[in-house]
Amino acid sequence: MILIVDDKPENILSIRKTLELYKFEVDAAASGEEALKKILKHSYTLIILDVQMPSMDGFEVAEAISGYSKARDIPIIFLSAVNKDKRFIVKGYDSGGMDYLTKPIDPDILLMKVKTFSRLYQQSQELKHMHQSLKEEVEVRKLAQAALSEKVNELRTTLEVLPQIAFTLTVEGRIEYANRNWFKFLIRYDNVHIDLL
């Protein structure tokens, strides 16, 4: 869902109609404060944020959003009719914006940017989920490895106390482990072998 934040209802309406025409799900907020409340309750793939708003401007809203762990990765496109100067554009990027458009907005340009940023956000979220899944799998494997090592140690302890010769082999047939009785047998056998010579 895309959140449009603008204090002028006519601006929200025109952007909403453009996006809904292309099947984007849209939500709106008429102030920075309302936007922040909505961001806490809902998940958004993109925020289209007007710069000039009373009380809390778009830059302040973007900086507040960057403080929310849930929302800090949501791309923000700034829109401005007044602040077209380079220093405002730089401030927009510095405060967390991914893009800065000036009004009047070309609907085709806006639509291309919305499609691109929405797709990038979805891909970013998918990568995060994959990373989390891999991290969880690594943890499961570490626990399984630790449990296996513990079982191997228990088995070796058991083999050490047996009165018989005991050993384990690798898949290739090499001796991997042998208990003390194995070595006692070898020493005894070598002594007998020497006596027979």
Protein backbone atom coordinates (compact mmCIF):
# COMPACT_ATOMS: atom_id res chain seq x y z
CA MET A 1 0.00 0.00 0.00
CA ILE A 2 1.20 3.53 -0.81
CA LEU A 3 0.75 6.41 1.62
CA ILE A 4 0.17 9.91 0.21
CA VAL A 5 0.83 12.70 2.72
CA ASP A 6 -0.35 16.19 1.75
CA ASP A 7 -2.30 18.91 3.54
CA LYS A 8 -4.23 19.78 0.36
CA PRO A 9 -7.09 17.33 -0.42
CA GLU A 10 -6.98 18.18 -4.15
CA ASN A 11 -3.34 17.03 -4.37
CA ILE A 12 -4.16 13.77 -2.59
CA LEU A 13 -7.14 13.21 -4.90
CA SER A 14 -5.17 13.68 -8.13
CA ILE A 15 -2.30 11.40 -7.05
CA ARG A 16 -4.73 8.82 -5.62
CA LYS A 17 -6.72 8.66 -8.89
CA THR A 18 -3.53 8.25 -10.96
CA LEU A 19 -2.26 5.40 -8.78
CA GLU A 20 -5.60 3.64 -8.39
CA LEU A 21 -5.99 3.70 -12.16
CA TYR A 22 -2.94 1.38 -12.24
CA LYS A 23 -4.29 -0.85 -9.45
CA PHE A 24 -2.11 0.51 -6.63
CA GLU A 25 -3.67 0.34 -3.18
CA VAL A 26 -3.56 3.84 -1.68
CA ASP A 27 -3.97 5.42 1.75
CA ALA A 28 -3.77 9.13 2.61
CA ALA A 29 -2.91 11.45 5.49
CA ALA A 30 -3.59 15.19 5.63
CA SER A 31 -0.73 16.00 8.03
CA GLY A 32 2.64 14.74 9.20
CA GLU A 33 1.22 13.75 12.57
CA GLU A 34 -1.58 11.71 10.97
CA ALA A 35 0.98 10.05 8.66
CA LEU A 36 3.16 8.99 11.60
CA LYS A 37 0.15 7.46 13.38
CA LYS A 38 -0.80 5.51 10.25
CA ILE A 39 2.77 4.29 9.72
CA LEU A 40 2.73 2.78 13.21
CA LYS A 41 -0.48 0.86 12.45
CA HIS A 42 -0.07 -0.16 8.79
CA SER A 43 2.59 -1.44 6.40
CA TYR A 44 3.44 0.68 3.37
CA THR A 45 5.65 0.00 0.36
CA LEU A 46 6.13 3.69 -0.48
CA ILE A 47 5.40 7.13 0.97
CA ILE A 48 4.71 10.14 -1.25
CA LEU A 49 5.36 13.09 1.04
CA ASP A 50 4.63 16.77 0.51
CA VAL A 51 7.39 19.05 1.78
CA GLN A 52 5.31 22.14 2.66
CA MET A 53 2.84 21.29 5.42
CA PRO A 54 1.78 23.25 8.50
CA SER A 55 2.92 22.15 11.95
CA MET A 56 5.29 19.39 10.76
CA ASP A 57 6.93 19.64 7.35
CA GLY A 58 7.86 16.69 5.14
CA PHE A 59 11.53 16.73 6.19
CA GLU A 60 10.56 16.40 9.86
CA VAL A 61 8.17 13.57 9.02
CA ALA A 62 10.89 11.73 7.08
CA GLU A 63 13.36 12.11 9.94
CA ALA A 64 10.76 10.78 12.39
CA ILE A 65 10.06 7.82 10.09
CA SER A 66 13.76 6.95 9.99
CA GLY A 67 13.57 6.50 13.78
CA TYR A 68 10.93 3.75 13.49
CA SER A 69 12.56 0.36 13.01
CA LYS A 70 9.40 -0.90 11.30
CA ALA A 71 9.33 1.92 8.74
CA ARG A 72 12.90 3.15 8.25
CA ASP A 73 13.34 1.22 4.97
CA ILE A 74 10.16 2.50 3.31
CA PRO A 75 11.14 4.61 0.28
CA ILE A 76 10.02 8.24 0.39
CA ILE A 77 9.34 10.46 -2.63
CA PHE A 78 9.21 14.13 -1.71
CA LEU A 79 6.88 16.48 -3.60
CA SER A 80 7.23 20.25 -3.50
CA ALA A 81 5.69 23.19 -5.31
CA VAL A 82 7.63 25.85 -3.43
CA ASN A 83 10.98 24.38 -2.32
CA LYS A 84 12.62 23.81 -5.71
CA ASP A 85 16.01 25.18 -4.73
CA LYS A 86 18.99 22.78 -4.67
CA ARG A 87 19.46 23.12 -0.89
CA PHE A 88 15.90 21.83 -0.29
CA ILE A 89 16.44 18.93 -2.66
CA VAL A 90 19.67 18.05 -0.80
CA LYS A 91 17.82 18.35 2.51
CA GLY A 92 15.18 15.96 1.17
CA TYR A 93 17.78 13.30 0.41
CA ASP A 94 19.58 13.95 3.71
CA SER A 95 16.39 13.47 5.69
CA GLY A 96 15.74 10.03 4.16
CA GLY A 97 14.10 10.66 0.80
CA MET A 98 14.78 8.42 -2.20
CA ASP A 99 13.60 11.02 -4.70
CA TYR A 100 12.48 14.66 -4.90
CA LEU A 101 9.90 15.82 -7.45
CA THR A 102 8.65 19.34 -8.04
CA LYS A 103 5.08 20.30 -8.81
CA PRO A 104 3.34 20.33 -11.18
CA ILE A 105 4.04 16.60 -11.39
CA ASP A 106 4.05 14.70 -14.63
CA PRO A 107 1.76 11.71 -13.82
CA ASP A 108 3.75 9.40 -16.10
CA ILE A 109 7.04 10.24 -14.36
CA LEU A 110 5.43 9.82 -10.95
CA LEU A 111 3.93 6.50 -12.00
CA MET A 112 7.29 5.16 -13.26
CA LYS A 113 8.98 6.17 -10.02
CA VAL A 114 6.21 4.63 -7.92
CA LYS A 115 6.48 1.34 -9.84
CA THR A 116 10.26 1.29 -9.51
CA PHE A 117 10.42 2.14 -5.81
CA SER A 118 7.56 -0.22 -4.95
CA ARG A 119 9.29 -3.07 -6.78
CA LEU A 120 12.64 -2.31 -5.12
CA TYR A 121 11.00 -2.22 -1.69
CA GLN A 122 9.28 -5.58 -2.30
CA GLN A 123 12.57 -7.11 -3.43
CA SER A 124 14.33 -5.67 -0.40
CA GLN A 125 11.71 -7.21 1.91
CA GLU A 126 12.02 -10.59 0.17
CA LEU A 127 15.80 -10.48 0.63
CA LYS A 128 15.35 -9.67 4.31
CA HIS A 129 13.00 -12.63 4.75
CA MET A 130 15.45 -14.91 2.93
CA HIS A 131 18.31 -13.61 5.08
CA GLN A 132 16.29 -14.23 8.24
CA SER A 133 15.37 -17.75 7.09
CA LEU A 134 19.01 -18.53 6.33
CA LYS A 135 20.06 -17.14 9.70
CA GLU A 136 17.51 -19.34 11.45
CA GLU A 137 18.65 -22.38 9.46
CA VAL A 138 22.28 -21.73 10.41
CA GLU A 139 21.26 -21.58 14.08
CA VAL A 140 19.34 -24.86 13.76
CA ARG A 141 22.37 -26.49 12.12
CA LYS A 142 24.68 -25.17 14.85
CA LEU A 143 22.41 -26.67 17.51
CA ALA A 144 22.26 -29.98 15.61
CA GLN A 145 26.07 -30.00 15.27
CA ALA A 146 26.47 -29.32 18.99
CA ALA A 147 24.02 -32.11 19.84
CA LEU A 148 25.84 -34.49 17.50
CA SER A 149 29.21 -33.61 19.04
CA GLU A 150 27.78 -34.28 22.48
CA LYS A 151 26.48 -37.69 21.37
CA VAL A 152 29.87 -38.55 19.82
CA ASN A 153 31.59 -37.63 23.09
CA GLU A 154 29.11 -39.76 25.04
CA LEU A 155 29.75 -42.68 22.68
CA ARG A 156 33.52 -42.33 23.06
CA THR A 157 33.20 -42.19 26.84
CA THR A 158 31.14 -45.39 26.70
CA LEU A 159 33.69 -47.06 24.40
CA GLU A 160 36.52 -46.14 26.79
CA VAL A 161 34.97 -48.01 29.73
CA LEU A 162 34.23 -51.21 27.75
CA PRO A 163 36.53 -54.14 28.59
CA GLN A 164 36.66 -55.05 24.86
CA ILE A 165 38.47 -53.50 21.97
CA ALA A 166 36.29 -50.80 20.38
CA PHE A 167 36.84 -48.46 17.46
CA THR A 168 34.98 -46.45 14.85
CA LEU A 169 35.73 -46.16 11.14
CA THR A 170 35.20 -43.41 8.60
CA VAL A 171 33.09 -44.05 5.50
CA GLU A 172 36.36 -44.74 3.63
CA GLY A 173 37.30 -47.44 6.17
CA ARG A 174 40.01 -45.54 8.07
CA ILE A 175 40.12 -45.81 11.85
CA GLU A 176 38.57 -42.67 13.27
CA TYR A 177 38.64 -43.54 16.95
CA ALA A 178 39.98 -46.44 19.04
CA ASN A 179 39.63 -47.00 22.78
CA ARG A 180 42.47 -47.72 25.26
CA ASN A 181 41.98 -51.48 25.02
CA TRP A 182 42.82 -51.29 21.33
CA PHE A 183 46.16 -49.70 22.14
CA LYS A 184 46.77 -52.18 25.02
CA PHE A 185 46.10 -55.01 22.59
CA LEU A 186 48.51 -53.54 20.04
CA ILE A 187 51.26 -53.15 22.65
CA ARG A 188 50.67 -56.71 23.95
CA TYR A 189 50.56 -58.11 20.43
CA ASP A 190 53.80 -56.32 19.53
CA ASN A 191 55.49 -57.77 22.66
CA VAL A 192 54.27 -61.29 21.83
CA HIS A 193 55.38 -60.81 18.25
CA ILE A 194 58.86 -59.74 19.44
CA ASP A 195 59.11 -62.80 21.79
CA LEU A 196 58.19 -65.15 18.96
CA LEU A 197 60.98 -63.76 16.82
